[in-house]
Amino acid sequence: SRSKRNVSASGGTHTSGATLPPGAPVPTPPPPRGGKLPPMEKKTQQQTEDILNSILPPREFSEKGQLWVQQVSASPATRLDVINLQEQLDAKLQQRQARETGICPVRRELYSQVFDELIRQVTINCAERGLLLLRVRDEIRMTLAAYQTLYESSVAFGMRKALQAEAGKADLEAKAEVQKLKAKCEEIERRETERRQTDQRKHEEEIQVLKRTNQQLRTQLESILAPL
């Protein structure tokens, strides 16, 4: 909760040096003059405000040409304030359509704001307890940041591996295509060799047939021309 600080005067307890008779009512101590806080209460409140400003630093912003400084409110929260805080959280979750499960930056942001408000309320009542909650909050944020870094590095590693696998797959496909073309060329060469050998055999057979025919014709011609 951030608002302008409004420090109200509160009464202190003064002890009188006079002895009261038994059964006499205790007189109400007079309010402090000038509406100022006693030195101890003022110092404690100042320490609380300093702790609140260290936990949730003041925020500066410009509006209509003027510079404003918004500080954390040091007013203690009531039970009604806590109930209103819960209702506002539920309304914001529904308004910004935050996911109920899984990773959701919107839900994380809203719950972080609520946790800061709870730390503020606790710090006003007990500064030590508020500082301990602050350590818990910082530890949670540091752990989440470490997990986020680990997740991003694992995603980058997975992407590199996927790209390497894709490149390896392309190489394997190229090698398979080369092997297929090579096998096809070898098959064509084998068929061509077989065709040439077949043609060669047919050609030799035809030559042999022609030689035998020629020999027969020569023999017949010589027998015809031979003198009787």
C-alpha atoms as a PDB file:
ATOM      1  CA  SER A   1       0.000   0.000   0.000  1.00  0.00           C
ATOM      2  CA  ARG A   2       1.499   3.323  -1.052  1.00  0.00           C
ATOM      3  CA  SER A   3       0.107   6.644   0.131  1.00  0.00           C
ATOM      4  CA  LYS A   4       1.115   9.895   1.697  1.00  0.00           C
ATOM      5  CA  ARG A   5       2.304   9.506   5.208  1.00  0.00           C
ATOM      6  CA  ASN A   6      -0.090  10.901   7.737  1.00  0.00           C
ATOM      7  CA  VAL A   7       1.400  10.697  11.180  1.00  0.00           C
ATOM      8  CA  SER A   8      -1.269  11.152  13.859  1.00  0.00           C
ATOM      9  CA  ALA A   9      -0.454  12.169  17.435  1.00  0.00           C
ATOM     10  CA  SER A  10      -0.787   9.541  20.091  1.00  0.00           C
ATOM     11  CA  GLY A  11      -0.769   9.946  23.823  1.00  0.00           C
ATOM     12  CA  GLY A  12       2.090   8.835  26.051  1.00  0.00           C
ATOM     13  CA  THR A  13       2.085   7.408  29.544  1.00  0.00           C
ATOM     14  CA  HIS A  14       3.404   9.599  32.320  1.00  0.00           C
ATOM     15  CA  THR A  15       4.091   8.331  35.830  1.00  0.00           C
ATOM     16  CA  SER A  16       3.348  10.672  38.701  1.00  0.00           C
ATOM     17  CA  GLY A  17       5.620  10.801  41.703  1.00  0.00           C
ATOM     18  CA  ALA A  18       2.725  11.214  44.222  1.00  0.00           C
ATOM     19  CA  THR A  19       1.437   8.197  46.208  1.00  0.00           C
ATOM     20  CA  LEU A  20      -2.266   7.419  45.656  1.00  0.00           C
ATOM     21  CA  PRO A  21      -4.452   6.267  48.541  1.00  0.00           C
ATOM     22  CA  PRO A  22      -5.733   2.648  48.365  1.00  0.00           C
ATOM     23  CA  GLY A  23      -8.772   2.240  46.112  1.00  0.00           C
ATOM     24  CA  ALA A  24      -8.380   5.649  44.552  1.00  0.00           C
ATOM     25  CA  PRO A  25      -8.876   5.797  40.709  1.00  0.00           C
ATOM     26  CA  VAL A  26      -5.797   6.230  38.590  1.00  0.00           C
ATOM     27  CA  PRO A  27      -5.891   9.649  36.930  1.00  0.00           C
ATOM     28  CA  THR A  28      -5.738   9.792  33.139  1.00  0.00           C
ATOM     29  CA  PRO A  29      -2.380  11.185  31.996  1.00  0.00           C
ATOM     30  CA  PRO A  30      -2.588  14.468  30.084  1.00  0.00           C
ATOM     31  CA  PRO A  31      -1.947  14.375  26.339  1.00  0.00           C
ATOM     32  CA  PRO A  32       1.504  15.476  25.177  1.00  0.00           C
ATOM     33  CA  ARG A  33       1.873  19.126  24.413  1.00  0.00           C
ATOM     34  CA  GLY A  34       1.833  20.232  20.812  1.00  0.00           C
ATOM     35  CA  GLY A  35       0.549  16.824  19.593  1.00  0.00           C
ATOM     36  CA  LYS A  36       4.095  15.457  19.299  1.00  0.00           C
ATOM     37  CA  LEU A  37       5.113  11.858  19.801  1.00  0.00           C
ATOM     38  CA  PRO A  38       7.300  10.899  22.738  1.00  0.00           C
ATOM     39  CA  PRO A  39      10.978  10.597  21.748  1.00  0.00           C
ATOM     40  CA  MET A  40      11.028   6.770  21.977  1.00  0.00           C
ATOM     41  CA  GLU A  41       7.827   6.270  19.937  1.00  0.00           C
ATOM     42  CA  LYS A  42       8.972   8.822  17.384  1.00  0.00           C
ATOM     43  CA  LYS A  43      12.318   7.046  17.048  1.00  0.00           C
ATOM     44  CA  THR A  44      10.632   3.657  16.696  1.00  0.00           C
ATOM     45  CA  GLN A  45       8.251   4.973  14.062  1.00  0.00           C
ATOM     46  CA  GLN A  46      11.140   6.582  12.184  1.00  0.00           C
ATOM     47  CA  GLN A  47      13.012   3.262  12.232  1.00  0.00           C
ATOM     48  CA  THR A  48       9.902   1.481  10.959  1.00  0.00           C
ATOM     49  CA  GLU A  49       9.531   4.004   8.138  1.00  0.00           C
ATOM     50  CA  ASP A  50      13.199   3.618   7.251  1.00  0.00           C
ATOM     51  CA  ILE A  51      12.806  -0.164   7.117  1.00  0.00           C
ATOM     52  CA  LEU A  52       9.687   0.172   4.956  1.00  0.00           C
ATOM     53  CA  ASN A  53      11.516   2.505   2.575  1.00  0.00           C
ATOM     54  CA  SER A  54      14.402   0.028   2.345  1.00  0.00           C
ATOM     55  CA  ILE A  55      12.003  -2.839   1.643  1.00  0.00           C
ATOM     56  CA  LEU A  56       9.807  -0.905  -0.796  1.00  0.00           C
ATOM     57  CA  PRO A  57      11.759   2.169  -1.995  1.00  0.00           C
ATOM     58  CA  PRO A  58       9.842   5.394  -2.721  1.00  0.00           C
ATOM     59  CA  ARG A  59       8.705   5.772  -6.292  1.00  0.00           C
ATOM     60  CA  GLU A  60       9.127   8.983  -8.237  1.00  0.00           C
ATOM     61  CA  PHE A  61       6.869   9.925 -11.139  1.00  0.00           C
ATOM     62  CA  SER A  62       5.837  13.016 -13.073  1.00  0.00           C
ATOM     63  CA  GLU A  63       2.259  14.148 -13.448  1.00  0.00           C
ATOM     64  CA  LYS A  64       1.123  17.356 -15.137  1.00  0.00           C
ATOM     65  CA  GLY A  65       4.658  18.713 -15.131  1.00  0.00           C
ATOM     66  CA  GLN A  66       5.175  18.110 -11.412  1.00  0.00           C
ATOM     67  CA  LEU A  67       7.473  15.586  -9.750  1.00  0.00           C
ATOM     68  CA  TRP A  68       5.773  13.384  -7.156  1.00  0.00           C
ATOM     69  CA  VAL A  69       7.321  11.008  -4.663  1.00  0.00           C
ATOM     70  CA  GLN A  70       5.126   8.107  -3.550  1.00  0.00           C
ATOM     71  CA  GLN A  71       6.129   6.437  -0.314  1.00  0.00           C
ATOM     72  CA  VAL A  72       4.917   3.320   1.411  1.00  0.00           C
ATOM     73  CA  SER A  73       2.168   3.947   3.912  1.00  0.00           C
ATOM     74  CA  ALA A  74       3.117   3.360   7.543  1.00  0.00           C
ATOM     75  CA  SER A  75      -0.490   3.007   8.664  1.00  0.00           C
ATOM     76  CA  PRO A  76      -1.234  -0.382  10.258  1.00  0.00           C
ATOM     77  CA  ALA A  77      -3.690  -2.627   8.461  1.00  0.00           C
ATOM     78  CA  THR A  78      -6.930  -3.831   9.978  1.00  0.00           C
ATOM     79  CA  ARG A  79      -8.768  -7.096   9.457  1.00  0.00           C
ATOM     80  CA  LEU A  80     -11.015  -5.352   6.945  1.00  0.00           C
ATOM     81  CA  ASP A  81      -7.956  -4.209   4.965  1.00  0.00           C
ATOM     82  CA  VAL A  82      -6.753  -7.816   4.704  1.00  0.00           C
ATOM     83  CA  ILE A  83     -10.182  -8.960   3.509  1.00  0.00           C
ATOM     84  CA  ASN A  84     -10.254  -6.154   0.924  1.00  0.00           C
ATOM     85  CA  LEU A  85      -6.748  -7.136  -0.177  1.00  0.00           C
ATOM     86  CA  GLN A  86      -7.882 -10.707  -0.787  1.00  0.00           C
ATOM     87  CA  GLU A  87     -10.938  -9.545  -2.722  1.00  0.00           C
ATOM     88  CA  GLN A  88      -8.789  -7.220  -4.849  1.00  0.00           C
ATOM     89  CA  LEU A  89      -6.386 -10.081  -5.557  1.00  0.00           C
ATOM     90  CA  ASP A  90      -9.217 -12.341  -6.745  1.00  0.00           C
ATOM     91  CA  ALA A  91     -10.669  -9.529  -8.864  1.00  0.00           C
ATOM     92  CA  LYS A  92      -7.292  -8.748 -10.463  1.00  0.00           C
ATOM     93  CA  LEU A  93      -6.638 -12.429 -11.192  1.00  0.00           C
ATOM     94  CA  GLN A  94      -9.973 -12.686 -12.967  1.00  0.00           C
ATOM     95  CA  GLN A  95      -9.654  -9.319 -14.705  1.00  0.00           C
ATOM     96  CA  ARG A  96      -6.197 -10.051 -16.132  1.00  0.00           C
ATOM     97  CA  GLN A  97      -7.161 -13.662 -16.948  1.00  0.00           C
ATOM     98  CA  ALA A  98      -4.346 -15.238 -14.965  1.00  0.00           C
ATOM     99  CA  ARG A  99      -3.905 -18.986 -15.228  1.00  0.00           C
ATOM    100  CA  GLU A 100      -4.871 -21.054 -12.225  1.00  0.00           C
ATOM    101  CA  THR A 101      -2.098 -23.630 -12.751  1.00  0.00           C
ATOM    102  CA  GLY A 102       1.259 -23.820 -14.485  1.00  0.00           C
ATOM    103  CA  ILE A 103       3.637 -20.975 -15.202  1.00  0.00           C
ATOM    104  CA  CYS A 104       1.868 -17.611 -15.415  1.00  0.00           C
ATOM    105  CA  PRO A 105       3.776 -14.284 -15.253  1.00  0.00           C
ATOM    106  CA  VAL A 106       0.565 -12.362 -14.497  1.00  0.00           C
ATOM    107  CA  ARG A 107      -0.306 -14.536 -11.495  1.00  0.00           C
ATOM    108  CA  ARG A 108       3.267 -14.354 -10.238  1.00  0.00           C
ATOM    109  CA  GLU A 109       3.288 -10.537 -10.494  1.00  0.00           C
ATOM    110  CA  LEU A 110       0.004 -10.168  -8.593  1.00  0.00           C
ATOM    111  CA  TYR A 111       1.003 -12.573  -5.825  1.00  0.00           C
ATOM    112  CA  SER A 112       4.356 -10.792  -5.537  1.00  0.00           C
ATOM    113  CA  GLN A 113       2.552  -7.485  -4.983  1.00  0.00           C
ATOM    114  CA  VAL A 114       0.318  -9.079  -2.348  1.00  0.00           C
ATOM    115  CA  PHE A 115       3.343 -10.560  -0.600  1.00  0.00           C
ATOM    116  CA  ASP A 116       5.007  -7.126  -0.517  1.00  0.00           C
ATOM    117  CA  GLU A 117       1.855  -5.689   1.055  1.00  0.00           C
ATOM    118  CA  LEU A 118       1.821  -8.444   3.691  1.00  0.00           C
ATOM    119  CA  ILE A 119       5.484  -7.731   4.448  1.00  0.00           C
ATOM    120  CA  ARG A 120       4.561  -4.066   4.905  1.00  0.00           C
ATOM    121  CA  GLN A 121       1.750  -4.916   7.319  1.00  0.00           C
ATOM    122  CA  VAL A 122       3.934  -7.281   9.332  1.00  0.00           C
ATOM    123  CA  THR A 123       6.861  -4.831   9.424  1.00  0.00           C
ATOM    124  CA  ILE A 124       4.686  -2.129  10.987  1.00  0.00           C
ATOM    125  CA  ASN A 125       3.801  -4.455  13.878  1.00  0.00           C
ATOM    126  CA  CYS A 126       7.216  -6.148  14.156  1.00  0.00           C
ATOM    127  CA  ALA A 127      10.193  -4.873  12.183  1.00  0.00           C
ATOM    128  CA  GLU A 128      12.282  -7.995  12.834  1.00  0.00           C
ATOM    129  CA  ARG A 129       9.564 -10.283  11.520  1.00  0.00           C
ATOM    130  CA  GLY A 130       9.207  -8.073   8.459  1.00  0.00           C
ATOM    131  CA  LEU A 131      12.951  -8.221   7.755  1.00  0.00           C
ATOM    132  CA  LEU A 132      12.851 -12.012   8.056  1.00  0.00           C
ATOM    133  CA  LEU A 133       9.982 -12.151   5.565  1.00  0.00           C
ATOM    134  CA  LEU A 134      12.034  -9.878   3.322  1.00  0.00           C
ATOM    135  CA  ARG A 135      14.864 -12.432   3.384  1.00  0.00           C
ATOM    136  CA  VAL A 136      12.383 -15.158   2.501  1.00  0.00           C
ATOM    137  CA  ARG A 137      11.033 -13.073  -0.391  1.00  0.00           C
ATOM    138  CA  ASP A 138      14.519 -12.346  -1.753  1.00  0.00           C
ATOM    139  CA  GLU A 139      15.488 -16.014  -1.459  1.00  0.00           C
ATOM    140  CA  ILE A 140      12.377 -17.059  -3.387  1.00  0.00           C
ATOM    141  CA  ARG A 141      13.079 -14.498  -6.104  1.00  0.00           C
ATOM    142  CA  MET A 142      16.715 -15.590  -6.351  1.00  0.00           C
ATOM    143  CA  THR A 143      15.647 -19.242  -6.627  1.00  0.00           C
ATOM    144  CA  LEU A 144      13.085 -18.404  -9.319  1.00  0.00           C
ATOM    145  CA  ALA A 145      15.707 -16.385 -11.217  1.00  0.00           C
ATOM    146  CA  ALA A 146      18.114 -19.336 -11.029  1.00  0.00           C
ATOM    147  CA  TYR A 147      15.425 -21.695 -12.308  1.00  0.00           C
ATOM    148  CA  GLN A 148      14.580 -19.262 -15.106  1.00  0.00           C
ATOM    149  CA  THR A 149      18.243 -19.027 -16.125  1.00  0.00           C
ATOM    150  CA  LEU A 150      18.522 -22.811 -16.041  1.00  0.00           C
ATOM    151  CA  TYR A 151      15.365 -23.131 -18.123  1.00  0.00           C
ATOM    152  CA  GLU A 152      16.578 -20.628 -20.709  1.00  0.00           C
ATOM    153  CA  SER A 153      19.978 -22.331 -20.960  1.00  0.00           C
ATOM    154  CA  SER A 154      18.318 -25.745 -21.317  1.00  0.00           C
ATOM    155  CA  VAL A 155      16.029 -24.398 -24.026  1.00  0.00           C
ATOM    156  CA  ALA A 156      19.028 -22.934 -25.870  1.00  0.00           C
ATOM    157  CA  PHE A 157      20.888 -26.238 -25.487  1.00  0.00           C
ATOM    158  CA  GLY A 158      17.876 -28.141 -26.797  1.00  0.00           C
ATOM    159  CA  MET A 159      17.598 -25.799 -29.776  1.00  0.00           C
ATOM    160  CA  ARG A 160      21.269 -26.305 -30.616  1.00  0.00           C
ATOM    161  CA  LYS A 161      20.869 -30.063 -30.381  1.00  0.00           C
ATOM    162  CA  ALA A 162      17.747 -29.922 -32.529  1.00  0.00           C
ATOM    163  CA  LEU A 163      19.555 -27.859 -35.168  1.00  0.00           C
ATOM    164  CA  GLN A 164      22.493 -30.249 -35.080  1.00  0.00           C
ATOM    165  CA  ALA A 165      20.149 -33.211 -35.405  1.00  0.00           C
ATOM    166  CA  GLU A 166      18.358 -31.497 -38.286  1.00  0.00           C
ATOM    167  CA  ALA A 167      21.673 -30.820 -40.017  1.00  0.00           C
ATOM    168  CA  GLY A 168      22.751 -34.425 -39.404  1.00  0.00           C
ATOM    169  CA  LYS A 169      19.430 -35.624 -40.753  1.00  0.00           C
ATOM    170  CA  ALA A 170      19.928 -33.550 -43.896  1.00  0.00           C
ATOM    171  CA  ASP A 171      23.420 -35.022 -44.296  1.00  0.00           C
ATOM    172  CA  LEU A 172      22.062 -38.540 -43.889  1.00  0.00           C
ATOM    173  CA  GLU A 173      19.338 -37.853 -46.417  1.00  0.00           C
ATOM    174  CA  ALA A 174      21.914 -36.463 -48.863  1.00  0.00           C
ATOM    175  CA  LYS A 175      24.142 -39.510 -48.355  1.00  0.00           C
ATOM    176  CA  ALA A 176      21.178 -41.819 -48.848  1.00  0.00           C
ATOM    177  CA  GLU A 177      20.266 -39.999 -52.048  1.00  0.00           C
ATOM    178  CA  VAL A 178      23.855 -40.301 -53.282  1.00  0.00           C
ATOM    179  CA  GLN A 179      23.868 -44.024 -52.506  1.00  0.00           C
ATOM    180  CA  LYS A 180      20.578 -44.426 -54.330  1.00  0.00           C
ATOM    181  CA  LEU A 181      21.880 -42.610 -57.413  1.00  0.00           C
ATOM    182  CA  LYS A 182      25.101 -44.601 -57.257  1.00  0.00           C
ATOM    183  CA  ALA A 183      23.185 -47.883 -57.106  1.00  0.00           C
ATOM    184  CA  LYS A 184      21.030 -46.730 -60.014  1.00  0.00           C
ATOM    185  CA  CYS A 185      24.131 -45.909 -62.079  1.00  0.00           C
ATOM    186  CA  GLU A 186      25.641 -49.288 -61.261  1.00  0.00           C
ATOM    187  CA  GLU A 187      22.429 -51.001 -62.334  1.00  0.00           C
ATOM    188  CA  ILE A 188      22.396 -49.092 -65.632  1.00  0.00           C
ATOM    189  CA  GLU A 189      26.057 -49.987 -66.240  1.00  0.00           C
ATOM    190  CA  ARG A 190      25.377 -53.651 -65.481  1.00  0.00           C
ATOM    191  CA  ARG A 191      22.440 -53.755 -67.875  1.00  0.00           C
ATOM    192  CA  GLU A 192      24.428 -51.994 -70.540  1.00  0.00           C
ATOM    193  CA  THR A 193      27.286 -54.449 -70.117  1.00  0.00           C
ATOM    194  CA  GLU A 194      24.919 -57.388 -70.401  1.00  0.00           C
ATOM    195  CA  ARG A 195      23.328 -55.862 -73.509  1.00  0.00           C
ATOM    196  CA  ARG A 196      26.744 -55.356 -75.123  1.00  0.00           C
ATOM    197  CA  GLN A 197      27.761 -58.918 -74.317  1.00  0.00           C
ATOM    198  CA  THR A 198      24.500 -60.238 -75.774  1.00  0.00           C
ATOM    199  CA  ASP A 199      24.937 -58.168 -78.918  1.00  0.00           C
ATOM    200  CA  GLN A 200      28.543 -59.376 -79.158  1.00  0.00           C
ATOM    201  CA  ARG A 201      27.476 -63.012 -78.957  1.00  0.00           C
ATOM    202  CA  LYS A 202      24.768 -62.496 -81.550  1.00  0.00           C
ATOM    203  CA  HIS A 203      27.241 -60.761 -83.842  1.00  0.00           C
ATOM    204  CA  GLU A 204      29.767 -63.583 -83.484  1.00  0.00           C
ATOM    205  CA  GLU A 205      27.064 -66.188 -84.121  1.00  0.00           C
ATOM    206  CA  GLU A 206      25.975 -64.345 -87.247  1.00  0.00           C
ATOM    207  CA  ILE A 207      29.591 -64.215 -88.430  1.00  0.00           C
ATOM    208  CA  GLN A 208      29.980 -67.954 -87.862  1.00  0.00           C
ATOM    209  CA  VAL A 209      26.762 -68.635 -89.772  1.00  0.00           C
ATOM    210  CA  LEU A 210      27.943 -66.472 -92.636  1.00  0.00           C
ATOM    211  CA  LYS A 211      31.327 -68.207 -92.644  1.00  0.00           C
ATOM    212  CA  ARG A 212      29.728 -71.647 -92.788  1.00  0.00           C
ATOM    213  CA  THR A 213      27.367 -70.505 -95.537  1.00  0.00           C
ATOM    214  CA  ASN A 214      30.244 -69.047 -97.463  1.00  0.00           C
ATOM    215  CA  GLN A 215      32.243 -72.271 -97.058  1.00  0.00           C
ATOM    216  CA  GLN A 216      29.336 -74.352 -98.278  1.00  0.00           C
ATOM    217  CA  LEU A 217      28.798 -72.125-101.286  1.00  0.00           C
ATOM    218  CA  ARG A 218      32.493 -72.270-102.088  1.00  0.00           C
ATOM    219  CA  THR A 219      32.490 -75.995-101.847  1.00  0.00           C
ATOM    220  CA  GLN A 220      29.485 -76.296-104.120  1.00  0.00           C
ATOM    221  CA  LEU A 221      31.017 -73.858-106.589  1.00  0.00           C
ATOM    222  CA  GLU A 222      34.278 -75.780-106.699  1.00  0.00           C
ATOM    223  CA  SER A 223      32.464 -79.040-107.212  1.00  0.00           C
ATOM    224  CA  ILE A 224      30.547 -77.533-110.117  1.00  0.00           C
ATOM    225  CA  LEU A 225      33.619 -76.051-111.747  1.00  0.00           C
ATOM    226  CA  ALA A 226      35.772 -79.105-111.280  1.00  0.00           C
ATOM    227  CA  PRO A 227      36.462 -80.954-114.638  1.00  0.00           C
ATOM    228  CA  LEU A 228      34.518 -84.013-115.200  1.00  0.00           C
END
